[in-house]
Amino acid sequence: MLQTFLKAKLHRVTVTHAELHYEGSCAIDGELLEKSGIREYEMIHIYNINNGERFTTYAIRAENGSGVISVNGAAAHKAQKGDLLIVCSYVQLDEQEAEGYQPTLCYFENAKSDNGVGITDDELRARNQLTGMKSAIPVQTSDM
């Protein structure tokens, strides 16, 4: 039996572009794809922190080191420039593969909850600099 597990997560990346008339997908800085293990054309799930939208698309490569996170096509109705996103990919594993399995978790501590208002494009892209990686999420305590 196969079970579905989190493979990779980009936690709190900032949307730098929302391009309605670009071929549908999500363009992600190529270096972030490589570090997270998300492959070009792989299905990704996007969770918009700002508006609660949740949708599925596929990843395409943006220029390495560009900081670009561009939500394209019809999905551009679900995110706008400056929104904070969680981008996830998943993997199916059998019981033996799942034993000891750990995802790749990428964090972006430069994210801000200002909706990108009054922020330049360069500043938005700079927010998508990877600041940390983990392979496990801490246990949530009851005092949160």
N, C-alpha and C. Protein backbone atom coordinates (compact mmCIF):
# COMPACT_ATOMS: atom_id res chain seq x y z
N MET A 1 0.84 -1.17 0.00
CA MET A 1 0.00 0.00 0.00
C MET A 1 0.89 1.24 0.00
N LEU A 2 0.52 2.20 -0.85
CA LEU A 2 1.24 3.48 -0.88
C LEU A 2 0.50 4.51 -0.04
N GLN A 3 1.28 5.34 0.62
CA GLN A 3 0.74 6.46 1.38
C GLN A 3 1.40 7.74 0.86
N THR A 4 0.71 8.86 0.98
CA THR A 4 1.21 10.14 0.48
C THR A 4 1.81 10.93 1.63
N PHE A 5 3.04 11.41 1.42
CA PHE A 5 3.79 12.16 2.43
C PHE A 5 4.27 13.48 1.83
N LEU A 6 4.49 14.46 2.71
CA LEU A 6 5.10 15.72 2.29
C LEU A 6 6.51 15.42 1.78
N LYS A 7 6.82 15.91 0.59
CA LYS A 7 8.16 15.74 0.03
C LYS A 7 9.01 16.98 0.28
N ALA A 8 8.42 18.15 -0.05
CA ALA A 8 9.16 19.41 0.08
C ALA A 8 8.20 20.54 0.38
N LYS A 9 8.71 21.55 1.09
CA LYS A 9 7.89 22.71 1.42
C LYS A 9 8.74 23.97 1.33
N LEU A 10 8.20 24.98 0.64
CA LEU A 10 8.77 26.33 0.65
C LEU A 10 7.83 27.12 1.55
N HIS A 11 8.28 27.45 2.76
CA HIS A 11 7.42 28.04 3.78
C HIS A 11 7.55 29.55 3.81
N ARG A 12 6.49 30.24 3.44
CA ARG A 12 6.39 31.70 3.47
C ARG A 12 7.24 32.37 2.39
N VAL A 13 7.09 31.89 1.15
CA VAL A 13 7.68 32.62 0.03
C VAL A 13 6.72 33.74 -0.36
N THR A 14 7.25 34.76 -0.99
CA THR A 14 6.47 35.93 -1.38
C THR A 14 6.22 35.91 -2.89
N VAL A 15 4.97 36.14 -3.29
CA VAL A 15 4.62 36.22 -4.70
C VAL A 15 5.26 37.49 -5.28
N THR A 16 6.05 37.32 -6.33
CA THR A 16 6.68 38.46 -6.99
C THR A 16 5.93 38.86 -8.25
N HIS A 17 5.15 37.94 -8.81
CA HIS A 17 4.38 38.20 -10.02
C HIS A 17 3.10 37.36 -9.97
N ALA A 18 2.04 37.89 -10.56
CA ALA A 18 0.81 37.14 -10.81
C ALA A 18 0.44 37.46 -12.25
N GLU A 19 0.71 36.52 -13.14
CA GLU A 19 0.60 36.76 -14.58
C GLU A 19 -0.57 35.97 -15.16
N LEU A 20 -1.73 36.61 -15.29
CA LEU A 20 -2.94 35.95 -15.75
C LEU A 20 -2.78 35.37 -17.16
N HIS A 21 -2.10 36.06 -18.04
CA HIS A 21 -2.03 35.63 -19.44
C HIS A 21 -0.73 34.90 -19.79
N TYR A 22 -0.03 34.40 -18.76
CA TYR A 22 1.14 33.54 -19.01
C TYR A 22 0.68 32.10 -18.91
N GLU A 23 1.33 31.20 -19.61
CA GLU A 23 0.93 29.79 -19.56
C GLU A 23 0.87 29.31 -18.11
N GLY A 24 -0.23 28.69 -17.74
CA GLY A 24 -0.51 28.32 -16.35
C GLY A 24 0.58 27.49 -15.69
N SER A 25 0.92 27.87 -14.48
CA SER A 25 1.96 27.19 -13.72
C SER A 25 2.39 28.10 -12.58
N CYS A 26 3.46 27.71 -11.91
CA CYS A 26 4.08 28.59 -10.91
C CYS A 26 5.58 28.58 -11.18
N ALA A 27 6.10 29.71 -11.57
CA ALA A 27 7.55 29.83 -11.81
C ALA A 27 8.24 30.05 -10.47
N ILE A 28 9.26 29.23 -10.21
CA ILE A 28 10.00 29.28 -8.96
C ILE A 28 11.49 29.39 -9.29
N ASP A 29 12.17 30.30 -8.60
CA ASP A 29 13.62 30.46 -8.74
C ASP A 29 14.27 29.07 -8.84
N GLY A 30 15.06 28.85 -9.89
CA GLY A 30 15.67 27.55 -10.15
C GLY A 30 16.51 27.02 -9.00
N GLU A 31 17.20 27.91 -8.28
CA GLU A 31 18.00 27.48 -7.14
C GLU A 31 17.11 26.93 -6.03
N LEU A 32 15.93 27.54 -5.84
CA LEU A 32 15.00 27.05 -4.81
C LEU A 32 14.43 25.69 -5.21
N LEU A 33 14.18 25.50 -6.50
CA LEU A 33 13.74 24.17 -6.95
C LEU A 33 14.80 23.13 -6.61
N GLU A 34 16.05 23.43 -6.92
CA GLU A 34 17.13 22.47 -6.68
C GLU A 34 17.29 22.18 -5.20
N LYS A 35 17.30 23.20 -4.36
CA LYS A 35 17.51 23.00 -2.93
C LYS A 35 16.36 22.26 -2.28
N SER A 36 15.14 22.50 -2.75
CA SER A 36 13.97 21.85 -2.15
C SER A 36 13.74 20.45 -2.70
N GLY A 37 14.27 20.17 -3.88
CA GLY A 37 14.02 18.88 -4.51
C GLY A 37 12.75 18.85 -5.34
N ILE A 38 12.10 20.00 -5.49
CA ILE A 38 10.93 20.08 -6.38
C ILE A 38 11.44 20.13 -7.81
N ARG A 39 10.86 19.28 -8.64
CA ARG A 39 11.32 19.19 -10.03
C ARG A 39 10.45 20.04 -10.94
N GLU A 40 11.06 20.49 -12.02
CA GLU A 40 10.30 21.23 -13.02
C GLU A 40 9.19 20.34 -13.56
N TYR A 41 7.99 20.87 -13.68
CA TYR A 41 6.77 20.21 -14.15
C TYR A 41 6.15 19.29 -13.11
N GLU A 42 6.69 19.27 -11.90
CA GLU A 42 6.10 18.47 -10.82
C GLU A 42 4.85 19.17 -10.29
N MET A 43 3.85 18.37 -9.93
CA MET A 43 2.64 18.92 -9.32
C MET A 43 3.00 19.53 -7.98
N ILE A 44 2.47 20.74 -7.75
CA ILE A 44 2.66 21.40 -6.46
C ILE A 44 1.31 21.88 -5.95
N HIS A 45 1.21 21.95 -4.64
CA HIS A 45 0.03 22.50 -3.98
C HIS A 45 0.45 23.84 -3.38
N ILE A 46 -0.39 24.84 -3.57
CA ILE A 46 -0.07 26.17 -3.07
C ILE A 46 -1.15 26.58 -2.08
N TYR A 47 -0.70 27.06 -0.93
CA TYR A 47 -1.57 27.52 0.15
C TYR A 47 -1.27 28.99 0.38
N ASN A 48 -2.25 29.85 0.10
CA ASN A 48 -2.06 31.29 0.21
C ASN A 48 -2.38 31.73 1.63
N ILE A 49 -1.38 32.18 2.35
CA ILE A 49 -1.53 32.60 3.74
C ILE A 49 -2.42 33.85 3.83
N ASN A 50 -2.33 34.73 2.85
CA ASN A 50 -3.07 36.00 2.91
C ASN A 50 -4.57 35.83 2.76
N ASN A 51 -5.01 34.95 1.85
CA ASN A 51 -6.45 34.87 1.56
C ASN A 51 -7.07 33.49 1.76
N GLY A 52 -6.26 32.51 2.16
CA GLY A 52 -6.79 31.18 2.42
C GLY A 52 -6.99 30.31 1.19
N GLU A 53 -6.71 30.82 0.01
CA GLU A 53 -6.87 30.02 -1.22
C GLU A 53 -5.90 28.84 -1.20
N ARG A 54 -6.39 27.70 -1.69
CA ARG A 54 -5.57 26.50 -1.81
C ARG A 54 -5.79 25.98 -3.23
N PHE A 55 -4.70 25.74 -3.96
CA PHE A 55 -4.85 25.28 -5.34
C PHE A 55 -3.66 24.44 -5.77
N THR A 56 -3.84 23.75 -6.87
CA THR A 56 -2.83 22.85 -7.41
C THR A 56 -2.42 23.34 -8.79
N THR A 57 -1.13 23.29 -9.06
CA THR A 57 -0.60 23.61 -10.38
C THR A 57 0.69 22.81 -10.55
N TYR A 58 1.59 23.26 -11.39
CA TYR A 58 2.88 22.59 -11.55
C TYR A 58 3.98 23.64 -11.53
N ALA A 59 5.16 23.20 -11.16
CA ALA A 59 6.31 24.11 -11.07
C ALA A 59 7.00 24.24 -12.41
N ILE A 60 7.41 25.46 -12.73
CA ILE A 60 8.33 25.69 -13.84
C ILE A 60 9.51 26.48 -13.28
N ARG A 61 10.59 26.44 -14.00
CA ARG A 61 11.84 27.07 -13.54
C ARG A 61 11.86 28.55 -13.91
N ALA A 62 12.16 29.36 -12.91
CA ALA A 62 12.49 30.78 -13.14
C ALA A 62 14.02 30.88 -13.08
N GLU A 63 14.53 31.99 -13.49
CA GLU A 63 15.97 32.22 -13.52
C GLU A 63 16.61 31.95 -12.16
N ASN A 64 17.73 31.22 -12.17
CA ASN A 64 18.47 30.93 -10.94
C ASN A 64 18.86 32.22 -10.23
N GLY A 65 18.63 32.25 -8.90
CA GLY A 65 19.03 33.38 -8.09
C GLY A 65 18.14 34.60 -8.23
N SER A 66 17.04 34.49 -8.97
CA SER A 66 16.18 35.64 -9.25
C SER A 66 15.23 35.98 -8.11
N GLY A 67 14.93 35.02 -7.25
CA GLY A 67 13.94 35.23 -6.20
C GLY A 67 12.51 35.23 -6.70
N VAL A 68 12.31 34.86 -7.96
CA VAL A 68 10.98 34.90 -8.57
C VAL A 68 10.08 33.78 -8.04
N ILE A 69 8.87 34.16 -7.65
CA ILE A 69 7.77 33.25 -7.39
C ILE A 69 6.59 33.86 -8.16
N SER A 70 6.26 33.28 -9.30
CA SER A 70 5.23 33.84 -10.17
C SER A 70 4.08 32.86 -10.32
N VAL A 71 2.90 33.29 -9.90
CA VAL A 71 1.69 32.48 -10.04
C VAL A 71 1.05 32.87 -11.36
N ASN A 72 0.86 31.90 -12.24
CA ASN A 72 0.49 32.20 -13.62
C ASN A 72 -0.82 31.56 -14.05
N GLY A 73 -1.36 32.07 -15.13
CA GLY A 73 -2.59 31.54 -15.71
C GLY A 73 -3.77 31.76 -14.77
N ALA A 74 -4.73 30.86 -14.82
CA ALA A 74 -5.94 31.00 -14.01
C ALA A 74 -5.63 31.12 -12.52
N ALA A 75 -4.55 30.50 -12.07
CA ALA A 75 -4.17 30.57 -10.65
C ALA A 75 -3.83 31.99 -10.22
N ALA A 76 -3.53 32.88 -11.18
CA ALA A 76 -3.23 34.27 -10.84
C ALA A 76 -4.43 34.96 -10.20
N HIS A 77 -5.62 34.38 -10.35
CA HIS A 77 -6.80 34.92 -9.66
C HIS A 77 -6.76 34.59 -8.17
N LYS A 78 -5.91 33.64 -7.76
CA LYS A 78 -5.88 33.16 -6.39
C LYS A 78 -4.73 33.72 -5.56
N ALA A 79 -3.87 34.50 -6.19
CA ALA A 79 -2.71 35.09 -5.49
C ALA A 79 -2.35 36.40 -6.18
N GLN A 80 -1.84 37.32 -5.39
CA GLN A 80 -1.39 38.57 -5.97
C GLN A 80 0.00 38.92 -5.45
N LYS A 81 0.65 39.78 -6.16
CA LYS A 81 1.98 40.24 -5.80
C LYS A 81 1.99 40.65 -4.33
N GLY A 82 2.98 40.13 -3.57
CA GLY A 82 3.12 40.44 -2.16
C GLY A 82 2.50 39.41 -1.23
N ASP A 83 1.64 38.52 -1.75
CA ASP A 83 1.04 37.48 -0.91
C ASP A 83 2.11 36.51 -0.41
N LEU A 84 1.89 35.96 0.77
CA LEU A 84 2.76 34.92 1.32
C LEU A 84 2.15 33.56 1.00
N LEU A 85 3.00 32.64 0.53
CA LEU A 85 2.55 31.31 0.14
C LEU A 85 3.33 30.23 0.87
N ILE A 86 2.68 29.08 0.99
CA ILE A 86 3.37 27.83 1.31
C ILE A 86 3.22 26.97 0.07
N VAL A 87 4.33 26.52 -0.48
CA VAL A 87 4.34 25.69 -1.68
C VAL A 87 4.81 24.31 -1.27
N CYS A 88 4.00 23.29 -1.57
CA CYS A 88 4.34 21.92 -1.15
C CYS A 88 4.29 20.95 -2.33
N SER A 89 5.14 19.96 -2.26
CA SER A 89 5.04 18.81 -3.15
C SER A 89 4.96 17.56 -2.28
N TYR A 90 4.42 16.52 -2.85
CA TYR A 90 4.17 15.30 -2.09
C TYR A 90 4.75 14.11 -2.84
N VAL A 91 4.95 13.02 -2.12
CA VAL A 91 5.50 11.81 -2.69
C VAL A 91 4.72 10.62 -2.13
N GLN A 92 4.58 9.57 -2.94
CA GLN A 92 3.94 8.35 -2.46
C GLN A 92 5.01 7.32 -2.14
N LEU A 93 4.92 6.76 -0.94
CA LEU A 93 5.90 5.80 -0.46
C LEU A 93 5.20 4.56 0.05
N ASP A 94 5.87 3.42 -0.11
CA ASP A 94 5.35 2.22 0.53
C ASP A 94 5.82 2.21 1.98
N GLU A 95 5.37 1.25 2.76
CA GLU A 95 5.69 1.24 4.19
C GLU A 95 7.18 1.20 4.46
N GLN A 96 7.91 0.43 3.67
CA GLN A 96 9.36 0.33 3.88
C GLN A 96 10.05 1.66 3.56
N GLU A 97 9.67 2.32 2.46
CA GLU A 97 10.26 3.61 2.10
C GLU A 97 9.90 4.69 3.13
N ALA A 98 8.71 4.59 3.70
CA ALA A 98 8.24 5.60 4.66
C ALA A 98 8.98 5.55 5.99
N GLU A 99 9.52 4.39 6.31
CA GLU A 99 10.24 4.22 7.57
C GLU A 99 11.44 5.16 7.60
N GLY A 100 11.43 6.11 8.51
CA GLY A 100 12.55 7.04 8.65
C GLY A 100 12.58 8.15 7.61
N TYR A 101 11.57 8.22 6.76
CA TYR A 101 11.53 9.24 5.71
C TYR A 101 11.43 10.64 6.32
N GLN A 102 12.13 11.61 5.73
CA GLN A 102 12.06 13.00 6.17
C GLN A 102 11.92 13.91 4.94
N PRO A 103 11.02 14.88 5.01
CA PRO A 103 10.86 15.82 3.90
C PRO A 103 11.96 16.89 3.92
N THR A 104 12.00 17.71 2.89
CA THR A 104 12.88 18.86 2.82
C THR A 104 12.04 20.10 3.06
N LEU A 105 12.35 20.83 4.12
CA LEU A 105 11.58 22.00 4.52
C LEU A 105 12.45 23.24 4.38
N CYS A 106 12.02 24.18 3.55
CA CYS A 106 12.79 25.39 3.27
C CYS A 106 12.04 26.59 3.85
N TYR A 107 12.77 27.45 4.56
CA TYR A 107 12.16 28.57 5.26
C TYR A 107 12.69 29.91 4.75
N PHE A 108 11.80 30.89 4.78
CA PHE A 108 12.10 32.22 4.25
C PHE A 108 11.72 33.24 5.31
N GLU A 109 12.67 33.55 6.18
CA GLU A 109 12.41 34.41 7.35
C GLU A 109 12.31 35.89 6.99
N ASN A 110 12.60 36.24 5.73
CA ASN A 110 12.51 37.65 5.31
C ASN A 110 11.09 38.03 4.91
N ALA A 111 10.16 37.06 4.95
CA ALA A 111 8.77 37.33 4.57
C ALA A 111 8.15 38.34 5.52
N LYS A 112 7.27 39.16 4.97
CA LYS A 112 6.56 40.15 5.78
C LYS A 112 5.08 40.10 5.42
N SER A 113 4.24 40.46 6.36
CA SER A 113 2.79 40.44 6.15
C SER A 113 2.27 41.82 5.77
N ASP A 114 2.93 42.49 4.86
CA ASP A 114 2.51 43.84 4.46
C ASP A 114 1.83 43.85 3.10
N ASN A 115 1.56 42.67 2.55
CA ASN A 115 0.93 42.53 1.23
C ASN A 115 1.75 43.18 0.11
N GLY A 116 3.00 43.49 0.37
CA GLY A 116 3.86 44.06 -0.66
C GLY A 116 3.51 45.48 -1.04
N VAL A 117 2.65 46.14 -0.26
CA VAL A 117 2.22 47.50 -0.57
C VAL A 117 3.41 48.46 -0.45
N GLY A 118 3.67 49.20 -1.52
CA GLY A 118 4.74 50.18 -1.52
C GLY A 118 6.13 49.56 -1.58
N ILE A 119 6.23 48.27 -1.88
CA ILE A 119 7.51 47.56 -1.92
C ILE A 119 7.95 47.40 -3.37
N THR A 120 9.21 47.63 -3.66
CA THR A 120 9.70 47.48 -5.03
C THR A 120 9.80 46.01 -5.40
N ASP A 121 9.85 45.74 -6.70
CA ASP A 121 10.00 44.37 -7.19
C ASP A 121 11.29 43.74 -6.67
N ASP A 122 12.37 44.52 -6.62
CA ASP A 122 13.64 44.00 -6.10
C ASP A 122 13.51 43.59 -4.64
N GLU A 123 12.80 44.39 -3.85
CA GLU A 123 12.61 44.06 -2.43
C GLU A 123 11.75 42.80 -2.27
N LEU A 124 10.73 42.64 -3.11
CA LEU A 124 9.91 41.42 -3.05
C LEU A 124 10.74 40.19 -3.36
N ARG A 125 11.55 40.26 -4.42
CA ARG A 125 12.39 39.11 -4.79
C ARG A 125 13.41 38.81 -3.70
N ALA A 126 13.93 39.84 -3.03
CA ALA A 126 14.91 39.64 -1.95
C ALA A 126 14.31 38.88 -0.78
N ARG A 127 13.00 38.99 -0.59
CA ARG A 127 12.34 38.25 0.50
C ARG A 127 12.38 36.74 0.27
N ASN A 128 12.64 36.33 -0.96
CA ASN A 128 12.65 34.90 -1.28
C ASN A 128 14.05 34.30 -1.21
N GLN A 129 14.87 34.84 -0.34
CA GLN A 129 16.19 34.26 -0.07
C GLN A 129 16.02 33.19 1.01
N LEU A 130 16.47 31.99 0.72
CA LEU A 130 16.38 30.88 1.67
C LEU A 130 17.17 31.22 2.93
N THR A 131 16.52 31.09 4.10
CA THR A 131 17.20 31.42 5.36
C THR A 131 17.42 30.20 6.24
N GLY A 132 16.81 29.06 5.91
CA GLY A 132 17.02 27.88 6.72
C GLY A 132 16.35 26.66 6.11
N MET A 133 16.89 25.50 6.47
CA MET A 133 16.32 24.23 6.01
C MET A 133 16.24 23.27 7.19
N LYS A 134 15.21 22.44 7.18
CA LYS A 134 15.02 21.42 8.20
C LYS A 134 14.50 20.16 7.54
N SER A 135 14.46 19.08 8.31
CA SER A 135 13.88 17.84 7.80
C SER A 135 12.73 17.36 8.68
N ALA A 136 12.32 18.18 9.64
CA ALA A 136 11.20 17.82 10.51
C ALA A 136 10.56 19.08 11.07
N ILE A 137 9.27 19.00 11.30
CA ILE A 137 8.54 20.09 11.93
C ILE A 137 8.45 19.78 13.42
N PRO A 138 8.77 20.74 14.28
CA PRO A 138 8.71 20.48 15.73
C PRO A 138 7.30 20.07 16.16
N VAL A 139 7.23 19.28 17.18
CA VAL A 139 5.94 18.87 17.75
C VAL A 139 5.25 20.11 18.27
N GLN A 140 3.97 20.25 17.91
CA GLN A 140 3.20 21.40 18.38
C GLN A 140 2.76 21.17 19.80
N THR A 141 3.02 22.15 20.66
CA THR A 141 2.67 22.03 22.06
C THR A 141 1.29 22.61 22.31
N SER A 142 0.71 22.28 23.45
CA SER A 142 -0.65 22.73 23.78
C SER A 142 -0.71 24.18 24.22
N ASP A 143 0.43 24.81 24.49
CA ASP A 143 0.42 26.18 24.99
C ASP A 143 0.57 27.21 23.88
N MET A 144 0.35 26.85 22.66
CA MET A 144 0.48 27.79 21.53
C MET A 144 -0.72 28.70 21.43
